[in-house]
Amino acid sequence: MVEPIKTTGNGVTGRTLDLGKENPSLGSKKISEILGNITSDGVKYHLNILKKEGKIRREGGSRGFWKLND
């Protein structure tokens, strides 16, 4: 079992972005396991916020990786 990480002052959206920077190949299920106390659907919600804000994009489809926009 993966030990949950407490979210920082950035909140869940910020921590999700941090995890994408640290390991771009993580999917929503793995991110939810790492963060703890959030479902994969909850992570998808925060990933969609980041995509709408133009901060990230998914390259290579569902088996791809997260790419941070400049």
C-alpha atoms as a PDB file:
ATOM      1  CA  MET A   1       0.000   0.000   0.000  1.00  0.00           C
ATOM      2  CA  VAL A   2       1.224   3.480  -0.862  1.00  0.00           C
ATOM      3  CA  GLU A   3       1.442   5.841   2.089  1.00  0.00           C
ATOM      4  CA  PRO A   4      -0.721   8.951   1.591  1.00  0.00           C
ATOM      5  CA  ILE A   5       0.976  12.316   1.262  1.00  0.00           C
ATOM      6  CA  LYS A   6      -0.553  15.274   3.071  1.00  0.00           C
ATOM      7  CA  THR A   7      -1.503  18.099   0.730  1.00  0.00           C
ATOM      8  CA  THR A   8       0.417  21.322   1.149  1.00  0.00           C
ATOM      9  CA  GLY A   9      -0.871  24.866   1.106  1.00  0.00           C
ATOM     10  CA  ASN A  10      -1.258  24.402  -2.645  1.00  0.00           C
ATOM     11  CA  GLY A  11      -4.323  22.221  -2.077  1.00  0.00           C
ATOM     12  CA  VAL A  12      -5.155  19.132  -4.059  1.00  0.00           C
ATOM     13  CA  THR A  13      -4.848  20.837  -7.441  1.00  0.00           C
ATOM     14  CA  GLY A  14      -1.371  22.139  -6.616  1.00  0.00           C
ATOM     15  CA  ARG A  15      -0.215  18.806  -5.231  1.00  0.00           C
ATOM     16  CA  THR A  16      -1.565  17.038  -8.325  1.00  0.00           C
ATOM     17  CA  LEU A  17       0.503  19.418 -10.454  1.00  0.00           C
ATOM     18  CA  ASP A  18       3.569  18.731  -8.290  1.00  0.00           C
ATOM     19  CA  LEU A  19       3.123  14.972  -8.740  1.00  0.00           C
ATOM     20  CA  GLY A  20       2.839  15.456 -12.505  1.00  0.00           C
ATOM     21  CA  LYS A  21       6.139  17.328 -12.451  1.00  0.00           C
ATOM     22  CA  GLU A  22       7.828  14.649 -10.329  1.00  0.00           C
ATOM     23  CA  ASN A  23       6.541  11.704 -12.375  1.00  0.00           C
ATOM     24  CA  PRO A  24       4.782  12.608 -15.648  1.00  0.00           C
ATOM     25  CA  SER A  25       3.689   9.026 -16.336  1.00  0.00           C
ATOM     26  CA  LEU A  26       1.375   8.813 -13.299  1.00  0.00           C
ATOM     27  CA  GLY A  27      -2.297   8.201 -13.990  1.00  0.00           C
ATOM     28  CA  SER A  28      -5.250   9.423 -11.959  1.00  0.00           C
ATOM     29  CA  LYS A  29      -5.571   6.138 -10.041  1.00  0.00           C
ATOM     30  CA  LYS A  30      -1.940   6.198  -8.892  1.00  0.00           C
ATOM     31  CA  ILE A  31      -2.141   9.900  -8.014  1.00  0.00           C
ATOM     32  CA  SER A  32      -5.208   9.199  -5.870  1.00  0.00           C
ATOM     33  CA  GLU A  33      -3.315   6.425  -4.046  1.00  0.00           C
ATOM     34  CA  ILE A  34      -0.378   8.737  -3.381  1.00  0.00           C
ATOM     35  CA  LEU A  35      -2.496  11.668  -2.204  1.00  0.00           C
ATOM     36  CA  GLY A  36      -4.833   9.472  -0.177  1.00  0.00           C
ATOM     37  CA  ASN A  37      -8.380  10.402   0.799  1.00  0.00           C
ATOM     38  CA  ILE A  38      -9.344  11.299  -2.811  1.00  0.00           C
ATOM     39  CA  THR A  39     -10.836   9.125  -5.527  1.00  0.00           C
ATOM     40  CA  SER A  40      -9.434   8.794  -9.019  1.00  0.00           C
ATOM     41  CA  ASP A  41     -12.507  10.725 -10.236  1.00  0.00           C
ATOM     42  CA  GLY A  42     -11.562  13.506  -7.818  1.00  0.00           C
ATOM     43  CA  VAL A  43      -8.058  13.547  -9.269  1.00  0.00           C
ATOM     44  CA  LYS A  44      -9.514  13.698 -12.796  1.00  0.00           C
ATOM     45  CA  TYR A  45     -11.510  16.752 -11.693  1.00  0.00           C
ATOM     46  CA  HIS A  46      -8.304  18.512 -10.576  1.00  0.00           C
ATOM     47  CA  LEU A  47      -6.424  17.414 -13.694  1.00  0.00           C
ATOM     48  CA  ASN A  48      -9.204  18.927 -15.806  1.00  0.00           C
ATOM     49  CA  ILE A  49      -8.825  22.210 -13.898  1.00  0.00           C
ATOM     50  CA  LEU A  50      -5.104  22.200 -14.670  1.00  0.00           C
ATOM     51  CA  LYS A  51      -5.784  21.406 -18.339  1.00  0.00           C
ATOM     52  CA  LYS A  52      -8.387  24.192 -18.622  1.00  0.00           C
ATOM     53  CA  GLU A  53      -5.924  26.634 -17.021  1.00  0.00           C
ATOM     54  CA  GLY A  54      -3.381  25.595 -19.669  1.00  0.00           C
ATOM     55  CA  LYS A  55      -0.855  24.349 -17.105  1.00  0.00           C
ATOM     56  CA  ILE A  56      -0.657  20.746 -18.323  1.00  0.00           C
ATOM     57  CA  ARG A  57      -1.540  18.574 -21.292  1.00  0.00           C
ATOM     58  CA  ARG A  58      -1.509  14.831 -21.845  1.00  0.00           C
ATOM     59  CA  GLU A  59       0.871  13.571 -24.538  1.00  0.00           C
ATOM     60  CA  GLY A  60       0.609  10.085 -25.991  1.00  0.00           C
ATOM     61  CA  GLY A  61      -3.002   9.346 -25.016  1.00  0.00           C
ATOM     62  CA  SER A  62      -4.144   7.464 -21.947  1.00  0.00           C
ATOM     63  CA  ARG A  63      -0.866   5.545 -21.670  1.00  0.00           C
ATOM     64  CA  GLY A  64       1.179   8.694 -22.216  1.00  0.00           C
ATOM     65  CA  PHE A  65       2.599  11.267 -19.850  1.00  0.00           C
ATOM     66  CA  TRP A  66       1.816  14.711 -18.464  1.00  0.00           C
ATOM     67  CA  LYS A  67       3.577  17.604 -20.143  1.00  0.00           C
ATOM     68  CA  LEU A  68       3.798  20.963 -18.390  1.00  0.00           C
ATOM     69  CA  ASN A  69       3.076  23.971 -20.558  1.00  0.00           C
ATOM     70  CA  ASP A  70       5.507  26.853 -20.496  1.00  0.00           C
END
